[in-house]
Amino acid sequence: MSTPTSHRHILPIRVYLSVAAALLIFTAITVTAAQIHFGAFNLLIAMVIAAIKATLVLLFFMHLKYDSRVYATVFVGAILVLAVFIIFTMFDTLRRGDIYDEVAHPLHDARIYHHTTTPTDTTHTSSGAAKSSDKPAESGH
């Protein structure tokens, strides 16, 4: 019987250390960028850096760079689609206050119903009791 040959790829320690250093640098960039106010672009910058870091992990630590290109393309594409989806969702969430004034500036005087007084009924008897037609109908339940 023939034994299947395995395709093993062993990276030198220098590659692992270089990727780890790049991840640490991108982490420092993320922390620094979080301290600076870029407005609505804070999220975009954080997501781009996170996508780059995830791509580095997938390509080198999970060895997708040396595996079939189909796997690497699918994983990198999935990361990019996820990042774009989250970015667009967060932009929508962050800008809702500008679109809906009710959400941005709630109405403090809003009432569910307007309580109005009914006109005074002059059909009362002299004793002050209401007519029998003014009483609510009782159900026979």
C-alpha atoms as a PDB file:
ATOM      1  CA  MET A   1       0.000   0.000   0.000  1.00  0.00           C
ATOM      2  CA  SER A   2       1.077   3.463  -0.671  1.00  0.00           C
ATOM      3  CA  THR A   3       1.028   5.928   2.153  1.00  0.00           C
ATOM      4  CA  PRO A   4      -0.417   9.329   1.476  1.00  0.00           C
ATOM      5  CA  THR A   5       2.130  12.061   1.418  1.00  0.00           C
ATOM      6  CA  SER A   6       1.379  14.995   3.602  1.00  0.00           C
ATOM      7  CA  HIS A   7       2.260  18.458   2.558  1.00  0.00           C
ATOM      8  CA  ARG A   8       3.777  20.069   5.610  1.00  0.00           C
ATOM      9  CA  HIS A   9       5.029  23.561   5.689  1.00  0.00           C
ATOM     10  CA  ILE A  10       7.158  24.622   8.593  1.00  0.00           C
ATOM     11  CA  LEU A  11       7.880  28.309   8.878  1.00  0.00           C
ATOM     12  CA  PRO A  12      11.074  29.634  10.368  1.00  0.00           C
ATOM     13  CA  ILE A  13      10.750  31.258  13.780  1.00  0.00           C
ATOM     14  CA  ARG A  14      11.755  34.578  12.195  1.00  0.00           C
ATOM     15  CA  VAL A  15       8.448  34.690  10.260  1.00  0.00           C
ATOM     16  CA  TYR A  16       6.400  34.031  13.399  1.00  0.00           C
ATOM     17  CA  LEU A  17       8.258  36.716  15.322  1.00  0.00           C
ATOM     18  CA  SER A  18       7.876  39.191  12.459  1.00  0.00           C
ATOM     19  CA  VAL A  19       4.125  38.607  12.288  1.00  0.00           C
ATOM     20  CA  ALA A  20       3.856  38.858  16.074  1.00  0.00           C
ATOM     21  CA  ALA A  21       5.763  42.154  15.962  1.00  0.00           C
ATOM     22  CA  ALA A  22       3.432  43.427  13.220  1.00  0.00           C
ATOM     23  CA  LEU A  23       0.421  42.446  15.348  1.00  0.00           C
ATOM     24  CA  LEU A  24       1.873  44.315  18.330  1.00  0.00           C
ATOM     25  CA  ILE A  25       2.517  47.387  16.163  1.00  0.00           C
ATOM     26  CA  PHE A  26      -1.062  47.297  14.848  1.00  0.00           C
ATOM     27  CA  THR A  27      -2.303  46.940  18.431  1.00  0.00           C
ATOM     28  CA  ALA A  28      -0.320  50.046  19.418  1.00  0.00           C
ATOM     29  CA  ILE A  29      -1.778  51.866  16.395  1.00  0.00           C
ATOM     30  CA  THR A  30      -5.275  50.818  17.492  1.00  0.00           C
ATOM     31  CA  VAL A  31      -4.717  52.124  21.029  1.00  0.00           C
ATOM     32  CA  THR A  32      -3.248  55.381  19.715  1.00  0.00           C
ATOM     33  CA  ALA A  33      -6.061  55.856  17.205  1.00  0.00           C
ATOM     34  CA  ALA A  34      -8.622  55.304  19.958  1.00  0.00           C
ATOM     35  CA  GLN A  35      -7.175  58.266  21.866  1.00  0.00           C
ATOM     36  CA  ILE A  36      -7.566  60.621  18.880  1.00  0.00           C
ATOM     37  CA  HIS A  37     -11.024  61.856  17.903  1.00  0.00           C
ATOM     38  CA  PHE A  38     -11.594  61.264  14.187  1.00  0.00           C
ATOM     39  CA  GLY A  39     -15.356  61.684  14.407  1.00  0.00           C
ATOM     40  CA  ALA A  40     -17.299  59.070  12.480  1.00  0.00           C
ATOM     41  CA  PHE A  41     -14.050  57.652  11.100  1.00  0.00           C
ATOM     42  CA  ASN A  42     -13.018  56.162  14.470  1.00  0.00           C
ATOM     43  CA  LEU A  43     -14.982  53.039  13.680  1.00  0.00           C
ATOM     44  CA  LEU A  44     -13.645  52.810  10.147  1.00  0.00           C
ATOM     45  CA  ILE A  45     -10.042  53.065  11.310  1.00  0.00           C
ATOM     46  CA  ALA A  46     -10.549  50.472  14.053  1.00  0.00           C
ATOM     47  CA  MET A  47     -12.236  48.032  11.659  1.00  0.00           C
ATOM     48  CA  VAL A  48      -9.528  48.380   9.000  1.00  0.00           C
ATOM     49  CA  ILE A  49      -6.820  47.700  11.579  1.00  0.00           C
ATOM     50  CA  ALA A  50      -8.770  44.731  12.968  1.00  0.00           C
ATOM     51  CA  ALA A  51      -9.217  43.314   9.458  1.00  0.00           C
ATOM     52  CA  ILE A  52      -5.482  43.616   8.775  1.00  0.00           C
ATOM     53  CA  LYS A  53      -4.651  41.864  12.047  1.00  0.00           C
ATOM     54  CA  ALA A  54      -7.151  39.067  11.375  1.00  0.00           C
ATOM     55  CA  THR A  55      -5.714  38.618   7.896  1.00  0.00           C
ATOM     56  CA  LEU A  56      -2.188  38.304   9.293  1.00  0.00           C
ATOM     57  CA  VAL A  57      -3.329  35.667  11.782  1.00  0.00           C
ATOM     58  CA  LEU A  58      -5.191  33.718   9.111  1.00  0.00           C
ATOM     59  CA  LEU A  59      -2.403  33.823   6.561  1.00  0.00           C
ATOM     60  CA  PHE A  60       0.583  33.042   8.757  1.00  0.00           C
ATOM     61  CA  PHE A  61      -0.514  31.421  12.016  1.00  0.00           C
ATOM     62  CA  MET A  62      -3.190  29.304  10.324  1.00  0.00           C
ATOM     63  CA  HIS A  63      -0.903  28.688   7.318  1.00  0.00           C
ATOM     64  CA  LEU A  64      -3.481  29.754   4.745  1.00  0.00           C
ATOM     65  CA  LYS A  65      -0.775  31.538   2.778  1.00  0.00           C
ATOM     66  CA  TYR A  66       0.847  28.213   2.004  1.00  0.00           C
ATOM     67  CA  ASP A  67      -2.354  26.234   1.519  1.00  0.00           C
ATOM     68  CA  SER A  68      -4.601  26.258  -1.511  1.00  0.00           C
ATOM     69  CA  ARG A  69      -5.324  29.781  -2.757  1.00  0.00           C
ATOM     70  CA  VAL A  70      -9.034  29.003  -2.704  1.00  0.00           C
ATOM     71  CA  TYR A  71      -9.045  28.697   1.089  1.00  0.00           C
ATOM     72  CA  ALA A  72      -7.081  31.885   1.575  1.00  0.00           C
ATOM     73  CA  THR A  73      -9.332  33.785  -0.826  1.00  0.00           C
ATOM     74  CA  VAL A  74     -12.487  32.558   0.897  1.00  0.00           C
ATOM     75  CA  PHE A  75     -11.246  33.426   4.390  1.00  0.00           C
ATOM     76  CA  VAL A  76      -9.841  36.840   3.486  1.00  0.00           C
ATOM     77  CA  GLY A  77     -12.986  37.629   1.497  1.00  0.00           C
ATOM     78  CA  ALA A  78     -15.173  36.612   4.444  1.00  0.00           C
ATOM     79  CA  ILE A  79     -13.202  38.876   6.782  1.00  0.00           C
ATOM     80  CA  LEU A  80     -13.531  41.801   4.369  1.00  0.00           C
ATOM     81  CA  VAL A  81     -17.275  41.258   3.890  1.00  0.00           C
ATOM     82  CA  LEU A  82     -17.775  41.049   7.646  1.00  0.00           C
ATOM     83  CA  ALA A  83     -15.781  44.229   8.191  1.00  0.00           C
ATOM     84  CA  VAL A  84     -17.755  46.115   5.533  1.00  0.00           C
ATOM     85  CA  PHE A  85     -21.046  44.838   6.971  1.00  0.00           C
ATOM     86  CA  ILE A  86     -20.157  45.964  10.481  1.00  0.00           C
ATOM     87  CA  ILE A  87     -18.877  49.343   9.260  1.00  0.00           C
ATOM     88  CA  PHE A  88     -22.068  50.086   7.319  1.00  0.00           C
ATOM     89  CA  THR A  89     -24.220  48.920  10.216  1.00  0.00           C
ATOM     90  CA  MET A  90     -22.379  51.131  12.674  1.00  0.00           C
ATOM     91  CA  PHE A  91     -22.504  54.153  10.348  1.00  0.00           C
ATOM     92  CA  ASP A  92     -26.255  53.659  10.130  1.00  0.00           C
ATOM     93  CA  THR A  93     -26.564  53.327  13.885  1.00  0.00           C
ATOM     94  CA  LEU A  94     -24.416  56.363  14.592  1.00  0.00           C
ATOM     95  CA  ARG A  95     -26.300  58.621  12.158  1.00  0.00           C
ATOM     96  CA  ARG A  96     -29.887  57.791  13.143  1.00  0.00           C
ATOM     97  CA  GLY A  97     -30.109  60.785  15.448  1.00  0.00           C
ATOM     98  CA  ASP A  98     -29.545  63.110  12.517  1.00  0.00           C
ATOM     99  CA  ILE A  99     -32.341  61.553  10.488  1.00  0.00           C
ATOM    100  CA  TYR A 100     -34.996  61.139  13.128  1.00  0.00           C
ATOM    101  CA  ASP A 101     -35.505  64.320  15.107  1.00  0.00           C
ATOM    102  CA  GLU A 102     -37.802  62.467  17.497  1.00  0.00           C
ATOM    103  CA  VAL A 103     -34.944  60.245  18.561  1.00  0.00           C
ATOM    104  CA  ALA A 104     -32.397  63.029  18.721  1.00  0.00           C
ATOM    105  CA  HIS A 105     -34.696  65.431  20.577  1.00  0.00           C
ATOM    106  CA  PRO A 106     -37.428  63.590  22.464  1.00  0.00           C
ATOM    107  CA  LEU A 107     -40.660  65.402  23.086  1.00  0.00           C
ATOM    108  CA  HIS A 108     -41.001  66.089  26.800  1.00  0.00           C
ATOM    109  CA  ASP A 109     -44.567  67.395  26.513  1.00  0.00           C
ATOM    110  CA  ALA A 110     -45.855  64.440  24.507  1.00  0.00           C
ATOM    111  CA  ARG A 111     -49.173  63.001  25.617  1.00  0.00           C
ATOM    112  CA  ILE A 112     -50.664  59.703  24.692  1.00  0.00           C
ATOM    113  CA  TYR A 113     -54.145  61.202  24.630  1.00  0.00           C
ATOM    114  CA  HIS A 114     -55.641  64.616  25.116  1.00  0.00           C
ATOM    115  CA  HIS A 115     -57.888  64.770  28.146  1.00  0.00           C
ATOM    116  CA  THR A 116     -60.690  67.127  27.402  1.00  0.00           C
ATOM    117  CA  THR A 117     -63.596  67.899  29.644  1.00  0.00           C
ATOM    118  CA  THR A 118     -67.052  67.080  28.378  1.00  0.00           C
ATOM    119  CA  PRO A 119     -69.630  69.826  28.306  1.00  0.00           C
ATOM    120  CA  THR A 120     -71.743  70.005  31.432  1.00  0.00           C
ATOM    121  CA  ASP A 121     -74.885  67.937  31.148  1.00  0.00           C
ATOM    122  CA  THR A 122     -77.934  69.982  32.131  1.00  0.00           C
ATOM    123  CA  THR A 123     -80.326  67.029  32.172  1.00  0.00           C
ATOM    124  CA  HIS A 124     -79.701  66.148  35.820  1.00  0.00           C
ATOM    125  CA  THR A 125     -82.621  65.973  38.199  1.00  0.00           C
ATOM    126  CA  SER A 126     -83.002  68.401  41.049  1.00  0.00           C
ATOM    127  CA  SER A 127     -81.451  65.950  43.538  1.00  0.00           C
ATOM    128  CA  GLY A 128     -78.206  65.894  41.497  1.00  0.00           C
ATOM    129  CA  ALA A 129     -78.579  62.261  40.421  1.00  0.00           C
ATOM    130  CA  ALA A 130     -78.019  61.497  36.771  1.00  0.00           C
ATOM    131  CA  LYS A 131     -80.688  60.063  34.534  1.00  0.00           C
ATOM    132  CA  SER A 132     -80.720  56.325  34.036  1.00  0.00           C
ATOM    133  CA  SER A 133     -79.707  56.831  30.390  1.00  0.00           C
ATOM    134  CA  ASP A 134     -76.408  58.414  31.524  1.00  0.00           C
ATOM    135  CA  LYS A 135     -75.375  55.300  33.434  1.00  0.00           C
ATOM    136  CA  PRO A 136     -73.168  52.823  31.610  1.00  0.00           C
ATOM    137  CA  ALA A 137     -74.944  49.686  30.447  1.00  0.00           C
ATOM    138  CA  GLU A 138     -74.221  46.668  32.553  1.00  0.00           C
ATOM    139  CA  SER A 139     -73.402  43.478  30.825  1.00  0.00           C
ATOM    140  CA  GLY A 140     -75.155  40.305  31.788  1.00  0.00           C
ATOM    141  CA  HIS A 141     -71.964  38.273  32.026  1.00  0.00           C
END
